[in-house]
Amino acid sequence: MSVIMEIVQGLGNILLSLVNVYIWVIIATALMSFINPDPYNPIVQFLYRITNPAYIFVRRYIRTDFGGLDLAPLIIIIALQIVTVVFSSLLYSLH
């Protein structure tokens, strides 16, 4: 049974790492919106393709445009941080 717990914890840690990487991608995309990069750059297109589905999901349920400032990245980051804290506490309670 201990081997299964180790595998679950390892997969959980990988998932938490992916969530943290996604948080940094959202931060990078939000910062890029201030400098208005070349939309034909493949890296910019990749970052937009990764983050736009999450933005669309949040904007569907919550009004995020306040005075020209889009708060969708902030809402997503806060939600992902909550998920990270809850999931990591569940993961470490398996010991």
N, C-alpha and C. Protein backbone atom coordinates (compact mmCIF):
# COMPACT_ATOMS: atom_id res chain seq x y z
N MET A 1 0.82 -1.20 0.00
CA MET A 1 0.00 0.00 0.00
C MET A 1 0.86 1.27 0.00
N SER A 2 2.05 1.19 0.56
CA SER A 2 2.93 2.34 0.63
C SER A 2 3.42 2.77 -0.76
N VAL A 3 3.61 1.79 -1.64
CA VAL A 3 4.07 2.09 -2.99
C VAL A 3 3.01 2.87 -3.74
N ILE A 4 1.76 2.50 -3.55
CA ILE A 4 0.66 3.21 -4.21
C ILE A 4 0.57 4.64 -3.71
N MET A 5 0.76 4.86 -2.43
CA MET A 5 0.74 6.22 -1.87
C MET A 5 1.88 7.06 -2.43
N GLU A 6 3.04 6.44 -2.59
CA GLU A 6 4.18 7.16 -3.16
C GLU A 6 3.90 7.56 -4.61
N ILE A 7 3.27 6.67 -5.36
CA ILE A 7 2.93 6.98 -6.75
C ILE A 7 1.90 8.11 -6.80
N VAL A 8 0.90 8.05 -5.95
CA VAL A 8 -0.13 9.10 -5.91
C VAL A 8 0.48 10.44 -5.53
N GLN A 9 1.37 10.43 -4.55
CA GLN A 9 2.03 11.68 -4.16
C GLN A 9 2.93 12.20 -5.26
N GLY A 10 3.61 11.32 -5.95
CA GLY A 10 4.47 11.76 -7.06
C GLY A 10 3.65 12.38 -8.19
N LEU A 11 2.55 11.73 -8.55
CA LEU A 11 1.67 12.29 -9.59
C LEU A 11 1.03 13.60 -9.13
N GLY A 12 0.69 13.67 -7.85
CA GLY A 12 0.13 14.91 -7.32
C GLY A 12 1.13 16.04 -7.36
N ASN A 13 2.38 15.74 -7.05
CA ASN A 13 3.42 16.78 -7.12
C ASN A 13 3.65 17.24 -8.55
N ILE A 14 3.58 16.31 -9.51
CA ILE A 14 3.70 16.70 -10.92
C ILE A 14 2.55 17.62 -11.30
N LEU A 15 1.34 17.28 -10.86
CA LEU A 15 0.17 18.12 -11.15
C LEU A 15 0.31 19.51 -10.53
N LEU A 16 0.79 19.56 -9.30
CA LEU A 16 0.99 20.86 -8.65
C LEU A 16 2.05 21.68 -9.39
N SER A 17 3.07 21.03 -9.88
CA SER A 17 4.11 21.74 -10.65
C SER A 17 3.54 22.29 -11.95
N LEU A 18 2.69 21.52 -12.62
CA LEU A 18 2.06 22.00 -13.84
C LEU A 18 1.15 23.20 -13.58
N VAL A 19 0.44 23.17 -12.46
CA VAL A 19 -0.42 24.31 -12.10
C VAL A 19 0.43 25.54 -11.84
N ASN A 20 1.57 25.37 -11.17
CA ASN A 20 2.46 26.51 -10.91
C ASN A 20 3.04 27.06 -12.21
N VAL A 21 3.39 26.19 -13.14
CA VAL A 21 3.88 26.65 -14.44
C VAL A 21 2.79 27.43 -15.17
N TYR A 22 1.55 26.94 -15.10
CA TYR A 22 0.43 27.64 -15.75
C TYR A 22 0.19 29.01 -15.12
N ILE A 23 0.37 29.12 -13.82
CA ILE A 23 0.25 30.42 -13.16
C ILE A 23 1.29 31.39 -13.71
N TRP A 24 2.52 30.92 -13.90
CA TRP A 24 3.56 31.79 -14.45
C TRP A 24 3.28 32.14 -15.90
N VAL A 25 2.68 31.23 -16.65
CA VAL A 25 2.31 31.54 -18.03
C VAL A 25 1.24 32.63 -18.06
N ILE A 26 0.28 32.56 -17.15
CA ILE A 26 -0.75 33.59 -17.07
C ILE A 26 -0.14 34.94 -16.69
N ILE A 27 0.80 34.93 -15.77
CA ILE A 27 1.47 36.17 -15.39
C ILE A 27 2.23 36.75 -16.58
N ALA A 28 2.94 35.90 -17.31
CA ALA A 28 3.69 36.37 -18.48
C ALA A 28 2.75 36.94 -19.54
N THR A 29 1.63 36.27 -19.76
CA THR A 29 0.67 36.75 -20.76
C THR A 29 0.05 38.07 -20.33
N ALA A 30 -0.25 38.19 -19.05
CA ALA A 30 -0.82 39.45 -18.55
C ALA A 30 0.19 40.59 -18.69
N LEU A 31 1.44 40.32 -18.41
CA LEU A 31 2.46 41.37 -18.56
C LEU A 31 2.68 41.71 -20.03
N MET A 32 2.56 40.73 -20.91
CA MET A 32 2.72 40.99 -22.34
C MET A 32 1.62 41.90 -22.87
N SER A 33 0.47 41.87 -22.25
CA SER A 33 -0.62 42.72 -22.73
C SER A 33 -0.30 44.20 -22.53
N PHE A 34 0.62 44.52 -21.63
CA PHE A 34 1.00 45.91 -21.43
C PHE A 34 1.98 46.42 -22.49
N ILE A 35 2.77 45.51 -23.08
CA ILE A 35 3.76 45.95 -24.05
C ILE A 35 3.30 45.73 -25.49
N ASN A 36 2.19 45.04 -25.68
CA ASN A 36 1.59 44.81 -27.00
C ASN A 36 2.60 44.20 -27.98
N PRO A 37 2.94 42.92 -27.79
CA PRO A 37 3.95 42.28 -28.65
C PRO A 37 3.40 41.95 -30.03
N ASP A 38 4.27 41.51 -30.90
CA ASP A 38 3.91 41.12 -32.26
C ASP A 38 2.98 39.91 -32.21
N PRO A 39 1.75 40.02 -32.69
CA PRO A 39 0.81 38.89 -32.60
C PRO A 39 1.18 37.72 -33.50
N TYR A 40 2.10 37.90 -34.42
CA TYR A 40 2.50 36.82 -35.32
C TYR A 40 3.71 36.03 -34.79
N ASN A 41 4.24 36.44 -33.66
CA ASN A 41 5.34 35.72 -33.03
C ASN A 41 4.80 34.37 -32.55
N PRO A 42 5.48 33.27 -32.86
CA PRO A 42 4.97 31.95 -32.45
C PRO A 42 4.86 31.76 -30.94
N ILE A 43 5.76 32.37 -30.20
CA ILE A 43 5.70 32.25 -28.74
C ILE A 43 4.48 32.99 -28.21
N VAL A 44 4.21 34.16 -28.73
CA VAL A 44 3.04 34.93 -28.31
C VAL A 44 1.77 34.19 -28.67
N GLN A 45 1.71 33.62 -29.86
CA GLN A 45 0.53 32.86 -30.27
C GLN A 45 0.33 31.64 -29.37
N PHE A 46 1.41 30.97 -29.02
CA PHE A 46 1.33 29.81 -28.13
C PHE A 46 0.79 30.20 -26.75
N LEU A 47 1.31 31.29 -26.20
CA LEU A 47 0.85 31.74 -24.88
C LEU A 47 -0.62 32.15 -24.92
N TYR A 48 -1.03 32.83 -25.98
CA TYR A 48 -2.44 33.21 -26.09
C TYR A 48 -3.33 31.99 -26.25
N ARG A 49 -2.88 30.98 -27.03
CA ARG A 49 -3.68 29.77 -27.20
C ARG A 49 -3.83 29.00 -25.90
N ILE A 50 -2.84 29.07 -25.04
CA ILE A 50 -2.92 28.36 -23.76
C ILE A 50 -3.82 29.08 -22.77
N THR A 51 -3.77 30.41 -22.75
CA THR A 51 -4.49 31.16 -21.72
C THR A 51 -5.90 31.60 -22.11
N ASN A 52 -6.16 31.78 -23.40
CA ASN A 52 -7.48 32.28 -23.79
C ASN A 52 -8.65 31.39 -23.38
N PRO A 53 -8.55 30.06 -23.43
CA PRO A 53 -9.69 29.26 -22.96
C PRO A 53 -10.04 29.52 -21.49
N ALA A 54 -9.04 29.71 -20.65
CA ALA A 54 -9.32 30.01 -19.24
C ALA A 54 -9.93 31.40 -19.10
N TYR A 55 -9.44 32.37 -19.88
CA TYR A 55 -10.01 33.71 -19.84
C TYR A 55 -11.47 33.69 -20.29
N ILE A 56 -11.75 32.98 -21.36
CA ILE A 56 -13.13 32.90 -21.87
C ILE A 56 -14.04 32.26 -20.84
N PHE A 57 -13.56 31.22 -20.17
CA PHE A 57 -14.36 30.55 -19.14
C PHE A 57 -14.70 31.50 -18.00
N VAL A 58 -13.72 32.26 -17.53
CA VAL A 58 -13.95 33.19 -16.43
C VAL A 58 -14.86 34.33 -16.87
N ARG A 59 -14.63 34.85 -18.05
CA ARG A 59 -15.44 35.97 -18.55
C ARG A 59 -16.88 35.58 -18.80
N ARG A 60 -17.14 34.31 -19.03
CA ARG A 60 -18.50 33.86 -19.24
C ARG A 60 -19.34 33.99 -17.96
N TYR A 61 -18.71 33.82 -16.80
CA TYR A 61 -19.45 33.82 -15.53
C TYR A 61 -19.25 35.06 -14.68
N ILE A 62 -18.15 35.78 -14.89
CA ILE A 62 -17.84 36.93 -14.05
C ILE A 62 -17.49 38.11 -14.95
N ARG A 63 -17.99 39.27 -14.60
CA ARG A 63 -17.60 40.50 -15.31
C ARG A 63 -16.19 40.86 -14.86
N THR A 64 -15.26 40.90 -15.80
CA THR A 64 -13.85 41.12 -15.44
C THR A 64 -13.29 42.44 -15.93
N ASP A 65 -14.03 43.18 -16.73
CA ASP A 65 -13.52 44.44 -17.28
C ASP A 65 -13.98 45.59 -16.40
N PHE A 66 -13.03 46.19 -15.69
CA PHE A 66 -13.34 47.31 -14.81
C PHE A 66 -12.48 48.50 -15.21
N GLY A 67 -13.08 49.45 -15.89
CA GLY A 67 -12.37 50.66 -16.28
C GLY A 67 -11.24 50.40 -17.26
N GLY A 68 -11.41 49.46 -18.15
CA GLY A 68 -10.38 49.14 -19.12
C GLY A 68 -9.32 48.18 -18.63
N LEU A 69 -9.43 47.75 -17.39
CA LEU A 69 -8.47 46.81 -16.81
C LEU A 69 -9.14 45.45 -16.70
N ASP A 70 -8.55 44.45 -17.33
CA ASP A 70 -9.10 43.11 -17.32
C ASP A 70 -8.56 42.35 -16.11
N LEU A 71 -9.46 41.93 -15.24
CA LEU A 71 -9.07 41.23 -14.03
C LEU A 71 -9.15 39.71 -14.15
N ALA A 72 -9.39 39.19 -15.35
CA ALA A 72 -9.50 37.74 -15.55
C ALA A 72 -8.21 37.01 -15.14
N PRO A 73 -7.02 37.52 -15.49
CA PRO A 73 -5.81 36.81 -15.03
C PRO A 73 -5.69 36.75 -13.51
N LEU A 74 -6.05 37.82 -12.85
CA LEU A 74 -5.98 37.84 -11.39
C LEU A 74 -6.95 36.84 -10.78
N ILE A 75 -8.15 36.77 -11.31
CA ILE A 75 -9.16 35.82 -10.81
C ILE A 75 -8.68 34.39 -11.02
N ILE A 76 -8.11 34.11 -12.18
CA ILE A 76 -7.62 32.76 -12.46
C ILE A 76 -6.46 32.41 -11.54
N ILE A 77 -5.55 33.33 -11.32
CA ILE A 77 -4.41 33.07 -10.46
C ILE A 77 -4.86 32.81 -9.03
N ILE A 78 -5.81 33.59 -8.53
CA ILE A 78 -6.32 33.37 -7.18
C ILE A 78 -6.99 32.02 -7.07
N ALA A 79 -7.80 31.66 -8.08
CA ALA A 79 -8.48 30.36 -8.06
C ALA A 79 -7.46 29.22 -8.11
N LEU A 80 -6.44 29.35 -8.93
CA LEU A 80 -5.43 28.30 -9.01
C LEU A 80 -4.61 28.19 -7.73
N GLN A 81 -4.37 29.31 -7.07
CA GLN A 81 -3.67 29.26 -5.79
C GLN A 81 -4.51 28.55 -4.74
N ILE A 82 -5.82 28.80 -4.74
CA ILE A 82 -6.71 28.10 -3.80
C ILE A 82 -6.70 26.60 -4.09
N VAL A 83 -6.78 26.24 -5.37
CA VAL A 83 -6.72 24.82 -5.75
C VAL A 83 -5.39 24.21 -5.32
N THR A 84 -4.31 24.93 -5.48
CA THR A 84 -2.99 24.43 -5.10
C THR A 84 -2.91 24.18 -3.60
N VAL A 85 -3.41 25.11 -2.80
CA VAL A 85 -3.35 24.96 -1.34
C VAL A 85 -4.20 23.78 -0.89
N VAL A 86 -5.41 23.69 -1.42
CA VAL A 86 -6.31 22.60 -1.01
C VAL A 86 -5.75 21.24 -1.46
N PHE A 87 -5.30 21.16 -2.71
CA PHE A 87 -4.79 19.90 -3.23
C PHE A 87 -3.51 19.47 -2.53
N SER A 88 -2.63 20.43 -2.24
CA SER A 88 -1.38 20.07 -1.56
C SER A 88 -1.65 19.63 -0.13
N SER A 89 -2.63 20.23 0.54
CA SER A 89 -2.95 19.79 1.90
C SER A 89 -3.57 18.39 1.88
N LEU A 90 -4.39 18.10 0.88
CA LEU A 90 -4.93 16.75 0.73
C LEU A 90 -3.83 15.75 0.40
N LEU A 91 -2.89 16.17 -0.42
CA LEU A 91 -1.82 15.29 -0.84
C LEU A 91 -0.90 14.96 0.31
N TYR A 92 -0.59 15.92 1.15
CA TYR A 92 0.33 15.68 2.25
C TYR A 92 -0.36 15.07 3.47
N SER A 93 -1.70 15.04 3.45
CA SER A 93 -2.41 14.36 4.53
C SER A 93 -2.43 12.84 4.32
N LEU A 94 -1.96 12.39 3.15
CA LEU A 94 -1.91 10.96 2.87
C LEU A 94 -0.79 10.25 3.63
N HIS A 95 0.12 11.00 4.19
CA HIS A 95 1.22 10.36 4.93
C HIS A 95 0.67 9.57 6.02
